[in-house]
Amino acid sequence: MRPSDGRFALFGMLIVIAWPACPQESRIDLGLSIAIDAADGTPANDMPGAGVLGRYTLNDEWAIGAAVNRTEYDYEEPAAIVGIVQNPTVEVIDALAAATTVRGWVERSLTEAGSSLHFFLGAGIGAAFTDVPDVTGPRADGGTFDIRTEVDTEIIATVIGGARRMFGERWSGEVAVRAEQHFADWRSTDRVSGAQGSIDDYLTWGIQFTLAYRW
């Protein structure tokens, strides 16, 4: 199975979980979201992205959802990860990483039914499929580096909380904060010297804005 096939299979499983076959009333929300997450610089500082999401309301208290997001961000200083000192007269060279993330979650409303403003808490799990291009540049000692980075599929555990406001019967706007634990394995190798470095699990935290329509 190609990696792309696995991504679509995982997303398909989440869709099956999140959307019962024959809803009897308007319980499905489909929306667009933008988000920015932050980390401690390993592997990134800021991680902006956008995506689509769907949510199915089970009852007045519980809902389930699924989302697909696309994120692009700087993988900070791959040379430093493998222990190479870059030429200080040259601007720091980062790699532009790109990730497709699939998430599923469960959320609980903290507000009484009928209110136009809903507060909620949720938790979920996801997977990120990340590509990192090769980077090259000058070393401080006069040589060059040529670094390749391989990233295994990341498993992500998420906790989220926020507020959602209904505008009429169909439209809603939402702001949420989240923290995510990434279970990761990044491996960088310099093809010239053979130097290697790795990044393991890391934590991100961020904010997300969503506009959704109820079907």
C-alpha atoms as a PDB file:
ATOM      1  CA  MET A   1       0.000   0.000   0.000  1.00  0.00           C
ATOM      2  CA  ARG A   2       1.321   3.411  -0.925  1.00  0.00           C
ATOM      3  CA  PRO A   3       1.534   6.044   1.901  1.00  0.00           C
ATOM      4  CA  SER A   4      -1.187   8.105   0.212  1.00  0.00           C
ATOM      5  CA  ASP A   5      -3.515   5.081   0.236  1.00  0.00           C
ATOM      6  CA  GLY A   6      -3.033   4.764   3.978  1.00  0.00           C
ATOM      7  CA  ARG A   7      -3.923   8.409   4.507  1.00  0.00           C
ATOM      8  CA  PHE A   8      -7.191   8.098   2.618  1.00  0.00           C
ATOM      9  CA  ALA A   9      -8.037   4.832   4.383  1.00  0.00           C
ATOM     10  CA  LEU A  10      -7.545   6.422   7.805  1.00  0.00           C
ATOM     11  CA  PHE A  11      -9.647   9.442   6.851  1.00  0.00           C
ATOM     12  CA  GLY A  12     -12.353   7.147   5.514  1.00  0.00           C
ATOM     13  CA  MET A  13     -12.491   5.279   8.823  1.00  0.00           C
ATOM     14  CA  LEU A  14     -12.944   8.543  10.706  1.00  0.00           C
ATOM     15  CA  ILE A  15     -15.732   9.621   8.351  1.00  0.00           C
ATOM     16  CA  VAL A  16     -17.567   6.332   8.917  1.00  0.00           C
ATOM     17  CA  ILE A  17     -17.319   6.828  12.670  1.00  0.00           C
ATOM     18  CA  ALA A  18     -18.347  10.465  12.600  1.00  0.00           C
ATOM     19  CA  TRP A  19     -21.388  10.389  10.280  1.00  0.00           C
ATOM     20  CA  PRO A  20     -24.281   7.986  10.912  1.00  0.00           C
ATOM     21  CA  ALA A  21     -26.023   6.944   7.703  1.00  0.00           C
ATOM     22  CA  CYS A  22     -29.446   8.509   8.127  1.00  0.00           C
ATOM     23  CA  PRO A  23     -29.658  11.538  10.392  1.00  0.00           C
ATOM     24  CA  GLN A  24     -33.246  12.553  11.189  1.00  0.00           C
ATOM     25  CA  GLU A  25     -32.577  16.268  11.730  1.00  0.00           C
ATOM     26  CA  SER A  26     -29.930  18.911  11.092  1.00  0.00           C
ATOM     27  CA  ARG A  27     -27.029  17.606  13.133  1.00  0.00           C
ATOM     28  CA  ILE A  28     -24.093  17.783  10.735  1.00  0.00           C
ATOM     29  CA  ASP A  29     -21.790  20.811  10.739  1.00  0.00           C
ATOM     30  CA  LEU A  30     -19.287  21.281   7.910  1.00  0.00           C
ATOM     31  CA  GLY A  31     -16.717  24.026   8.193  1.00  0.00           C
ATOM     32  CA  LEU A  32     -13.419  25.657   7.331  1.00  0.00           C
ATOM     33  CA  SER A  33     -10.757  26.362   9.927  1.00  0.00           C
ATOM     34  CA  ILE A  34      -7.480  28.214  10.268  1.00  0.00           C
ATOM     35  CA  ALA A  35      -5.074  27.566  13.110  1.00  0.00           C
ATOM     36  CA  ILE A  36      -1.633  28.345  14.384  1.00  0.00           C
ATOM     37  CA  ASP A  37       0.259  26.085  16.755  1.00  0.00           C
ATOM     38  CA  ALA A  38       3.522  26.720  18.545  1.00  0.00           C
ATOM     39  CA  ALA A  39       6.329  24.508  19.782  1.00  0.00           C
ATOM     40  CA  ASP A  40       9.633  25.082  21.548  1.00  0.00           C
ATOM     41  CA  GLY A  41      11.677  25.247  18.349  1.00  0.00           C
ATOM     42  CA  THR A  42      12.150  21.505  17.985  1.00  0.00           C
ATOM     43  CA  PRO A  43      11.180  20.810  15.287  1.00  0.00           C
ATOM     44  CA  ALA A  44       9.499  24.218  14.805  1.00  0.00           C
ATOM     45  CA  ASN A  45       8.483  27.479  16.430  1.00  0.00           C
ATOM     46  CA  ASP A  46       5.168  28.300  14.763  1.00  0.00           C
ATOM     47  CA  MET A  47       3.036  25.946  12.661  1.00  0.00           C
ATOM     48  CA  PRO A  48       0.215  27.692  10.740  1.00  0.00           C
ATOM     49  CA  GLY A  49      -2.364  25.717   8.813  1.00  0.00           C
ATOM     50  CA  ALA A  50      -5.889  25.450   7.440  1.00  0.00           C
ATOM     51  CA  GLY A  51      -8.377  22.697   6.810  1.00  0.00           C
ATOM     52  CA  VAL A  52     -11.893  21.323   6.647  1.00  0.00           C
ATOM     53  CA  LEU A  53     -13.880  19.665   9.412  1.00  0.00           C
ATOM     54  CA  GLY A  54     -17.167  17.945  10.078  1.00  0.00           C
ATOM     55  CA  ARG A  55     -19.054  17.448  13.320  1.00  0.00           C
ATOM     56  CA  TYR A  56     -22.072  15.278  14.157  1.00  0.00           C
ATOM     57  CA  THR A  57     -24.202  16.222  17.173  1.00  0.00           C
ATOM     58  CA  LEU A  58     -25.305  13.119  19.042  1.00  0.00           C
ATOM     59  CA  ASN A  59     -27.479  14.900  21.609  1.00  0.00           C
ATOM     60  CA  ASP A  60     -27.575  18.075  23.709  1.00  0.00           C
ATOM     61  CA  GLU A  61     -24.298  17.150  25.437  1.00  0.00           C
ATOM     62  CA  TRP A  62     -22.138  15.122  23.075  1.00  0.00           C
ATOM     63  CA  ALA A  63     -20.741  15.463  19.549  1.00  0.00           C
ATOM     64  CA  ILE A  64     -18.096  13.699  17.466  1.00  0.00           C
ATOM     65  CA  GLY A  65     -16.026  15.080  14.637  1.00  0.00           C
ATOM     66  CA  ALA A  66     -13.297  14.581  12.054  1.00  0.00           C
ATOM     67  CA  ALA A  67     -10.964  17.006  10.294  1.00  0.00           C
ATOM     68  CA  VAL A  68      -8.208  17.198   7.702  1.00  0.00           C
ATOM     69  CA  ASN A  69      -5.624  19.989   7.928  1.00  0.00           C
ATOM     70  CA  ARG A  70      -2.678  21.101   5.840  1.00  0.00           C
ATOM     71  CA  THR A  71       0.257  22.723   7.637  1.00  0.00           C
ATOM     72  CA  GLU A  72       3.486  24.262   6.341  1.00  0.00           C
ATOM     73  CA  TYR A  73       6.229  25.411   8.674  1.00  0.00           C
ATOM     74  CA  ASP A  74       9.985  25.791   9.068  1.00  0.00           C
ATOM     75  CA  TYR A  75      11.875  22.775  10.355  1.00  0.00           C
ATOM     76  CA  GLU A  76      14.356  24.797  12.388  1.00  0.00           C
ATOM     77  CA  GLU A  77      18.079  24.434  11.656  1.00  0.00           C
ATOM     78  CA  PRO A  78      18.480  20.846  10.444  1.00  0.00           C
ATOM     79  CA  ALA A  79      22.255  21.366  10.465  1.00  0.00           C
ATOM     80  CA  ALA A  80      22.198  21.971  14.215  1.00  0.00           C
ATOM     81  CA  ILE A  81      20.088  18.826  14.714  1.00  0.00           C
ATOM     82  CA  VAL A  82      22.878  16.684  13.234  1.00  0.00           C
ATOM     83  CA  GLY A  83      25.575  18.611  15.098  1.00  0.00           C
ATOM     84  CA  ILE A  84      26.931  20.729  12.236  1.00  0.00           C
ATOM     85  CA  VAL A  85      27.803  24.393  12.714  1.00  0.00           C
ATOM     86  CA  GLN A  86      26.576  26.427   9.751  1.00  0.00           C
ATOM     87  CA  ASN A  87      28.655  29.253   8.324  1.00  0.00           C
ATOM     88  CA  PRO A  88      27.629  32.230  10.526  1.00  0.00           C
ATOM     89  CA  THR A  89      27.919  34.711   7.650  1.00  0.00           C
ATOM     90  CA  VAL A  90      24.937  33.030   5.908  1.00  0.00           C
ATOM     91  CA  GLU A  91      21.325  33.340   6.996  1.00  0.00           C
ATOM     92  CA  VAL A  92      20.182  30.331   9.001  1.00  0.00           C
ATOM     93  CA  ILE A  93      18.944  27.598   6.664  1.00  0.00           C
ATOM     94  CA  ASP A  94      15.663  25.908   7.597  1.00  0.00           C
ATOM     95  CA  ALA A  95      13.633  23.295   5.715  1.00  0.00           C
ATOM     96  CA  LEU A  96      10.018  24.025   4.737  1.00  0.00           C
ATOM     97  CA  ALA A  97       8.118  21.031   6.121  1.00  0.00           C
ATOM     98  CA  ALA A  98       4.584  20.223   4.953  1.00  0.00           C
ATOM     99  CA  ALA A  99       2.164  18.011   6.873  1.00  0.00           C
ATOM    100  CA  THR A 100      -1.294  16.591   6.250  1.00  0.00           C
ATOM    101  CA  THR A 101      -3.042  15.821   9.530  1.00  0.00           C
ATOM    102  CA  VAL A 102      -6.181  13.737  10.049  1.00  0.00           C
ATOM    103  CA  ARG A 103      -7.983  14.027  13.399  1.00  0.00           C
ATOM    104  CA  GLY A 104     -11.015  12.542  15.092  1.00  0.00           C
ATOM    105  CA  TRP A 105     -12.433  13.708  18.415  1.00  0.00           C
ATOM    106  CA  VAL A 106     -15.264  13.631  20.932  1.00  0.00           C
ATOM    107  CA  GLU A 107     -16.534  16.800  22.599  1.00  0.00           C
ATOM    108  CA  ARG A 108     -18.926  17.602  25.431  1.00  0.00           C
ATOM    109  CA  SER A 109     -21.028  20.742  25.679  1.00  0.00           C
ATOM    110  CA  LEU A 110     -20.789  22.666  28.958  1.00  0.00           C
ATOM    111  CA  THR A 111     -23.819  24.857  28.176  1.00  0.00           C
ATOM    112  CA  GLU A 112     -27.538  24.205  28.505  1.00  0.00           C
ATOM    113  CA  ALA A 113     -29.437  23.349  25.333  1.00  0.00           C
ATOM    114  CA  GLY A 114     -31.032  26.271  23.519  1.00  0.00           C
ATOM    115  CA  SER A 115     -28.281  28.792  24.183  1.00  0.00           C
ATOM    116  CA  SER A 116     -26.701  30.517  21.186  1.00  0.00           C
ATOM    117  CA  LEU A 117     -23.291  30.465  22.906  1.00  0.00           C
ATOM    118  CA  HIS A 118     -21.836  27.058  23.685  1.00  0.00           C
ATOM    119  CA  PHE A 119     -18.717  26.240  25.680  1.00  0.00           C
ATOM    120  CA  PHE A 120     -17.172  22.822  25.127  1.00  0.00           C
ATOM    121  CA  LEU A 121     -14.295  20.501  26.009  1.00  0.00           C
ATOM    122  CA  GLY A 122     -12.997  17.661  23.891  1.00  0.00           C
ATOM    123  CA  ALA A 123     -10.304  15.082  23.304  1.00  0.00           C
ATOM    124  CA  GLY A 124      -9.197  13.091  20.321  1.00  0.00           C
ATOM    125  CA  ILE A 125      -6.498  11.355  18.349  1.00  0.00           C
ATOM    126  CA  GLY A 126      -4.966  11.909  14.935  1.00  0.00           C
ATOM    127  CA  ALA A 127      -2.110  11.186  12.587  1.00  0.00           C
ATOM    128  CA  ALA A 128       0.251  13.519  10.727  1.00  0.00           C
ATOM    129  CA  PHE A 129       1.999  12.649   7.460  1.00  0.00           C
ATOM    130  CA  THR A 130       4.999  14.947   7.056  1.00  0.00           C
ATOM    131  CA  ASP A 131       7.351  15.626   4.156  1.00  0.00           C
ATOM    132  CA  VAL A 132      10.635  17.513   4.602  1.00  0.00           C
ATOM    133  CA  PRO A 133      12.771  18.588   1.604  1.00  0.00           C
ATOM    134  CA  ASP A 134      16.538  18.178   1.542  1.00  0.00           C
ATOM    135  CA  VAL A 135      18.623  21.205   2.529  1.00  0.00           C
ATOM    136  CA  THR A 136      22.176  22.166   1.624  1.00  0.00           C
ATOM    137  CA  GLY A 137      24.490  24.937   2.758  1.00  0.00           C
ATOM    138  CA  PRO A 138      27.982  25.980   3.879  1.00  0.00           C
ATOM    139  CA  ARG A 139      29.631  24.747   7.059  1.00  0.00           C
ATOM    140  CA  ALA A 140      31.586  26.973   9.419  1.00  0.00           C
ATOM    141  CA  ASP A 141      34.726  24.912   8.666  1.00  0.00           C
ATOM    142  CA  GLY A 142      34.514  25.651   4.945  1.00  0.00           C
ATOM    143  CA  GLY A 143      32.801  22.481   3.784  1.00  0.00           C
ATOM    144  CA  THR A 144      29.159  21.940   2.845  1.00  0.00           C
ATOM    145  CA  PHE A 145      26.280  19.921   4.231  1.00  0.00           C
ATOM    146  CA  ASP A 146      23.496  18.093   2.409  1.00  0.00           C
ATOM    147  CA  ILE A 147      20.847  16.942   4.877  1.00  0.00           C
ATOM    148  CA  ARG A 148      18.040  14.492   4.238  1.00  0.00           C
ATOM    149  CA  THR A 149      15.203  14.169   6.777  1.00  0.00           C
ATOM    150  CA  GLU A 150      12.803  11.248   7.124  1.00  0.00           C
ATOM    151  CA  VAL A 151       9.699  11.506   9.316  1.00  0.00           C
ATOM    152  CA  ASP A 152       7.582   8.552  10.376  1.00  0.00           C
ATOM    153  CA  THR A 153       3.817   8.973  10.695  1.00  0.00           C
ATOM    154  CA  GLU A 154       3.152  10.961  13.867  1.00  0.00           C
ATOM    155  CA  ILE A 155       0.391   9.907  16.249  1.00  0.00           C
ATOM    156  CA  ILE A 156      -1.205  12.931  17.929  1.00  0.00           C
ATOM    157  CA  ALA A 157      -3.215  13.058  21.161  1.00  0.00           C
ATOM    158  CA  THR A 158      -5.338  16.213  21.469  1.00  0.00           C
ATOM    159  CA  VAL A 159      -7.234  18.066  24.193  1.00  0.00           C
ATOM    160  CA  ILE A 160      -9.315  21.069  23.152  1.00  0.00           C
ATOM    161  CA  GLY A 161     -11.649  23.623  24.672  1.00  0.00           C
ATOM    162  CA  GLY A 162     -13.471  26.635  23.338  1.00  0.00           C
ATOM    163  CA  ALA A 163     -16.638  28.558  22.593  1.00  0.00           C
ATOM    164  CA  ARG A 164     -19.037  28.277  19.657  1.00  0.00           C
ATOM    165  CA  ARG A 165     -21.683  30.839  18.797  1.00  0.00           C
ATOM    166  CA  MET A 166     -24.668  30.165  16.543  1.00  0.00           C
ATOM    167  CA  PHE A 167     -25.751  32.865  14.100  1.00  0.00           C
ATOM    168  CA  GLY A 168     -29.315  31.920  13.282  1.00  0.00           C
ATOM    169  CA  GLU A 169     -30.130  28.235  12.823  1.00  0.00           C
ATOM    170  CA  ARG A 170     -27.371  27.304  10.381  1.00  0.00           C
ATOM    171  CA  TRP A 171     -24.145  29.283  10.745  1.00  0.00           C
ATOM    172  CA  SER A 172     -21.691  29.146  13.635  1.00  0.00           C
ATOM    173  CA  GLY A 173     -18.354  30.706  14.516  1.00  0.00           C
ATOM    174  CA  GLU A 174     -15.910  29.052  16.877  1.00  0.00           C
ATOM    175  CA  VAL A 175     -12.667  29.797  18.652  1.00  0.00           C
ATOM    176  CA  ALA A 176     -10.796  27.031  20.458  1.00  0.00           C
ATOM    177  CA  VAL A 177      -7.465  26.451  22.154  1.00  0.00           C
ATOM    178  CA  ARG A 178      -5.737  23.103  22.084  1.00  0.00           C
ATOM    179  CA  ALA A 179      -2.699  21.198  23.261  1.00  0.00           C
ATOM    180  CA  GLU A 180      -1.324  18.246  21.332  1.00  0.00           C
ATOM    181  CA  GLN A 181       1.236  15.609  22.187  1.00  0.00           C
ATOM    182  CA  HIS A 182       3.065  14.398  19.073  1.00  0.00           C
ATOM    183  CA  PHE A 183       4.518  10.907  19.247  1.00  0.00           C
ATOM    184  CA  ALA A 184       7.190  11.355  16.597  1.00  0.00           C
ATOM    185  CA  ASP A 185      10.395  10.059  15.072  1.00  0.00           C
ATOM    186  CA  TRP A 186      12.332  12.531  12.896  1.00  0.00           C
ATOM    187  CA  ARG A 187      15.727  11.390  11.553  1.00  0.00           C
ATOM    188  CA  SER A 188      18.140  13.755   9.783  1.00  0.00           C
ATOM    189  CA  THR A 189      21.333  12.606   8.059  1.00  0.00           C
ATOM    190  CA  ASP A 190      24.090  14.643   6.401  1.00  0.00           C
ATOM    191  CA  ARG A 191      25.021  12.847   3.179  1.00  0.00           C
ATOM    192  CA  VAL A 192      28.464  14.485   3.133  1.00  0.00           C
ATOM    193  CA  SER A 193      29.767  13.695   6.618  1.00  0.00           C
ATOM    194  CA  GLY A 194      27.372  10.962   7.713  1.00  0.00           C
ATOM    195  CA  ALA A 195      26.419  12.947  10.824  1.00  0.00           C
ATOM    196  CA  GLN A 196      22.983  12.079  12.179  1.00  0.00           C
ATOM    197  CA  GLY A 197      20.430  13.563  14.561  1.00  0.00           C
ATOM    198  CA  SER A 198      16.874  12.843  15.613  1.00  0.00           C
ATOM    199  CA  ILE A 199      13.799  14.394  17.207  1.00  0.00           C
ATOM    200  CA  ASP A 200      11.411  12.401  19.349  1.00  0.00           C
ATOM    201  CA  ASP A 201       8.072  13.307  20.959  1.00  0.00           C
ATOM    202  CA  TYR A 202       7.147  16.971  21.299  1.00  0.00           C
ATOM    203  CA  LEU A 203       4.266  19.134  22.528  1.00  0.00           C
ATOM    204  CA  THR A 204       2.418  21.859  20.622  1.00  0.00           C
ATOM    205  CA  TRP A 205      -0.236  24.322  21.737  1.00  0.00           C
ATOM    206  CA  GLY A 206      -2.321  26.709  19.688  1.00  0.00           C
ATOM    207  CA  ILE A 207      -5.550  28.425  18.713  1.00  0.00           C
ATOM    208  CA  GLN A 208      -8.088  27.587  16.005  1.00  0.00           C
ATOM    209  CA  PHE A 209     -10.871  29.617  14.349  1.00  0.00           C
ATOM    210  CA  THR A 210     -13.738  27.891  12.551  1.00  0.00           C
ATOM    211  CA  LEU A 211     -16.689  28.956  10.439  1.00  0.00           C
ATOM    212  CA  ALA A 212     -19.284  26.205   9.921  1.00  0.00           C
ATOM    213  CA  TYR A 213     -22.659  25.574   8.303  1.00  0.00           C
ATOM    214  CA  ARG A 214     -25.244  23.153   9.693  1.00  0.00           C
ATOM    215  CA  TRP A 215     -26.908  20.784   7.252  1.00  0.00           C
END
